[in-house]
């Protein structure tokens, strides 16, 4: 049971990191294209 919670925590951390990096990339792309 403990390993399942740990696996979900790791998965969520990776998912959030990916979402944040994609969001930052989109913002940087918009800023680069606007100028």
PDB file of N, CA and C in Angstrom:
ATOM      1  N   UNK A   1       0.838  -1.206   0.000  1.00  0.00           N
ATOM      2  CA  UNK A   1       0.000   0.000   0.000  1.00  0.00           C
ATOM      3  C   UNK A   1       0.869   1.251   0.000  1.00  0.00           C
ATOM      4  N   UNK A   2       1.938   1.208   0.792  1.00  0.00           N
ATOM      5  CA  UNK A   2       2.822   2.375   0.877  1.00  0.00           C
ATOM      6  C   UNK A   2       3.490   2.649  -0.467  1.00  0.00           C
ATOM      7  N   UNK A   3       3.876   1.576  -1.153  1.00  0.00           N
ATOM      8  CA  UNK A   3       4.551   1.749  -2.447  1.00  0.00           C
ATOM      9  C   UNK A   3       3.596   2.348  -3.473  1.00  0.00           C
ATOM     10  N   UNK A   4       2.306   2.040  -3.354  1.00  0.00           N
ATOM     11  CA  UNK A   4       1.315   2.589  -4.286  1.00  0.00           C
ATOM     12  C   UNK A   4       1.206   4.097  -4.096  1.00  0.00           C
ATOM     13  N   UNK A   5       1.153   4.532  -2.840  1.00  0.00           N
ATOM     14  CA  UNK A   5       1.088   5.969  -2.538  1.00  0.00           C
ATOM     15  C   UNK A   5       2.335   6.664  -3.061  1.00  0.00           C
ATOM     16  N   UNK A   6       3.492   6.027  -2.872  1.00  0.00           N
ATOM     17  CA  UNK A   6       4.758   6.599  -3.335  1.00  0.00           C
ATOM     18  C   UNK A   6       4.766   6.715  -4.851  1.00  0.00           C
ATOM     19  N   UNK A   7       4.272   5.678  -5.535  1.00  0.00           N
ATOM     20  CA  UNK A   7       4.234   5.691  -6.999  1.00  0.00           C
ATOM     21  C   UNK A   7       3.323   6.808  -7.504  1.00  0.00           C
ATOM     22  N   UNK A   8       2.177   6.988  -6.850  1.00  0.00           N
ATOM     23  CA  UNK A   8       1.244   8.049  -7.257  1.00  0.00           C
ATOM     24  C   UNK A   8       1.886   9.420  -7.031  1.00  0.00           C
ATOM     25  N   UNK A   9       2.606   9.559  -5.920  1.00  0.00           N
ATOM     26  CA  UNK A   9       3.276  10.827  -5.628  1.00  0.00           C
ATOM     27  C   UNK A   9       4.330  11.157  -6.673  1.00  0.00           C
ATOM     28  N   UNK A  10       5.116  10.165  -7.065  1.00  0.00           N
ATOM     29  CA  UNK A  10       6.149  10.372  -8.089  1.00  0.00           C
ATOM     30  C   UNK A  10       5.502  10.716  -9.424  1.00  0.00           C
ATOM     31  N   UNK A  11       4.426  10.005  -9.762  1.00  0.00           N
ATOM     32  CA  UNK A  11       3.724  10.258 -11.028  1.00  0.00           C
ATOM     33  C   UNK A  11       3.167  11.675 -11.056  1.00  0.00           C
ATOM     34  N   UNK A  12       2.561  12.107  -9.950  1.00  0.00           N
ATOM     35  CA  UNK A  12       2.011  13.459  -9.878  1.00  0.00           C
ATOM     36  C   UNK A  12       3.115  14.507 -10.004  1.00  0.00           C
ATOM     37  N   UNK A  13       4.256  14.259  -9.367  1.00  0.00           N
ATOM     38  CA  UNK A  13       5.371  15.204  -9.436  1.00  0.00           C
ATOM     39  C   UNK A  13       5.861  15.341 -10.872  1.00  0.00           C
ATOM     40  N   UNK A  14       5.992  14.209 -11.571  1.00  0.00           N
ATOM     41  CA  UNK A  14       6.453  14.245 -12.966  1.00  0.00           C
ATOM     42  C   UNK A  14       5.422  14.944 -13.846  1.00  0.00           C
ATOM     43  N   UNK A  15       4.136  14.673 -13.591  1.00  0.00           N
ATOM     44  CA  UNK A  15       3.068  15.277 -14.389  1.00  0.00           C
ATOM     45  C   UNK A  15       3.070  16.791 -14.208  1.00  0.00           C
ATOM     46  N   UNK A  16       3.200  17.248 -12.947  1.00  0.00           N
ATOM     47  CA  UNK A  16       3.216  18.683 -12.683  1.00  0.00           C
ATOM     48  C   UNK A  16       4.428  19.343 -13.325  1.00  0.00           C
ATOM     49  N   UNK A  17       5.584  18.665 -13.238  1.00  0.00           N
ATOM     50  CA  UNK A  17       6.798  19.242 -13.822  1.00  0.00           C
ATOM     51  C   UNK A  17       6.641  19.389 -15.329  1.00  0.00           C
ATOM     52  N   UNK A  18       6.012  18.407 -15.963  1.00  0.00           N
ATOM     53  CA  UNK A  18       5.813  18.455 -17.409  1.00  0.00           C
ATOM     54  C   UNK A  18       4.845  19.580 -17.768  1.00  0.00           C
ATOM     55  N   UNK A  19       3.742  19.694 -17.010  1.00  0.00           N
ATOM     56  CA  UNK A  19       2.747  20.736 -17.276  1.00  0.00           C
ATOM     57  C   UNK A  19       3.361  22.122 -17.113  1.00  0.00           C
ATOM     58  N   UNK A  20       4.161  22.296 -16.057  1.00  0.00           N
ATOM     59  CA  UNK A  20       4.793  23.598 -15.803  1.00  0.00           C
ATOM     60  C   UNK A  20       5.782  23.939 -16.916  1.00  0.00           C
ATOM     61  N   UNK A  21       6.587  22.971 -17.329  1.00  0.00           N
ATOM     62  CA  UNK A  21       7.577  23.227 -18.384  1.00  0.00           C
ATOM     63  C   UNK A  21       6.880  23.552 -19.700  1.00  0.00           C
ATOM     64  N   UNK A  22       5.775  22.858 -19.991  1.00  0.00           N
ATOM     65  CA  UNK A  22       5.026  23.133 -21.224  1.00  0.00           C
ATOM     66  C   UNK A  22       4.416  24.529 -21.146  1.00  0.00           C
ATOM     67  N   UNK A  23       3.884  24.893 -19.981  1.00  0.00           N
ATOM     68  CA  UNK A  23       3.289  26.220 -19.801  1.00  0.00           C
ATOM     69  C   UNK A  23       4.335  27.317 -19.974  1.00  0.00           C
ATOM     70  N   UNK A  24       5.507  27.133 -19.371  1.00  0.00           N
ATOM     71  CA  UNK A  24       6.574  28.127 -19.503  1.00  0.00           C
ATOM     72  C   UNK A  24       7.032  28.228 -20.949  1.00  0.00           C
ATOM     73  N   UNK A  25       7.101  27.094 -21.633  1.00  0.00           N
ATOM     74  CA  UNK A  25       7.513  27.092 -23.038  1.00  0.00           C
ATOM     75  C   UNK A  25       6.519  27.863 -23.891  1.00  0.00           C
ATOM     76  N   UNK A  26       5.218  27.688 -23.614  1.00  0.00           N
ATOM     77  CA  UNK A  26       4.188  28.398 -24.377  1.00  0.00           C
ATOM     78  C   UNK A  26       4.285  29.900 -24.139  1.00  0.00           C
ATOM     79  N   UNK A  27       4.512  30.291 -22.891  1.00  0.00           N
ATOM     80  CA  UNK A  27       4.641  31.722 -22.564  1.00  0.00           C
ATOM     81  C   UNK A  27       5.856  32.316 -23.260  1.00  0.00           C
ATOM     82  N   UNK A  28       6.985  31.612 -23.213  1.00  0.00           N
ATOM     83  CA  UNK A  28       8.207  32.095 -23.857  1.00  0.00           C
ATOM     84  C   UNK A  28       8.003  32.198 -25.365  1.00  0.00           C
ATOM     85  N   UNK A  29       7.280  31.229 -25.944  1.00  0.00           N
ATOM     86  CA  UNK A  29       7.021  31.235 -27.393  1.00  0.00           C
ATOM     87  C   UNK A  29       6.157  32.433 -27.767  1.00  0.00           C
ATOM     88  N   UNK A  30       5.132  32.717 -26.951  1.00  0.00           N
ATOM     89  CA  UNK A  30       4.255  33.866 -27.228  1.00  0.00           C
ATOM     90  C   UNK A  30       5.044  35.169 -27.124  1.00  0.00           C
ATOM     91  N   UNK A  31       5.875  35.283 -26.091  1.00  0.00           N
ATOM     92  CA  UNK A  31       6.674  36.496 -25.914  1.00  0.00           C
ATOM     93  C   UNK A  31       7.643  36.667 -27.080  1.00  0.00           C
ATOM     94  N   UNK A  32       8.238  35.579 -27.526  1.00  0.00           N
ATOM     95  CA  UNK A  32       9.188  35.641 -28.636  1.00  0.00           C
ATOM     96  C   UNK A  32       8.502  36.033 -29.933  1.00  0.00           C
ATOM     97  N   UNK A  33       7.277  35.570 -30.146  1.00  0.00           N
ATOM     98  CA  UNK A  33       6.574  35.860 -31.396  1.00  0.00           C
ATOM     99  C   UNK A  33       5.956  37.251 -31.395  1.00  0.00           C
ATOM    100  N   UNK A  34       5.605  37.768 -30.212  1.00  0.00           N
ATOM    101  CA  UNK A  34       4.964  39.080 -30.154  1.00  0.00           C
ATOM    102  C   UNK A  34       5.958  40.172 -30.528  1.00  0.00           C
ATOM    103  N   UNK A  35       7.244  39.957 -30.195  1.00  0.00           N
ATOM    104  CA  UNK A  35       8.260  40.966 -30.487  1.00  0.00           C
ATOM    105  C   UNK A  35       8.875  40.652 -31.800  1.00  0.00           C
TER     106      UNK A  35
END
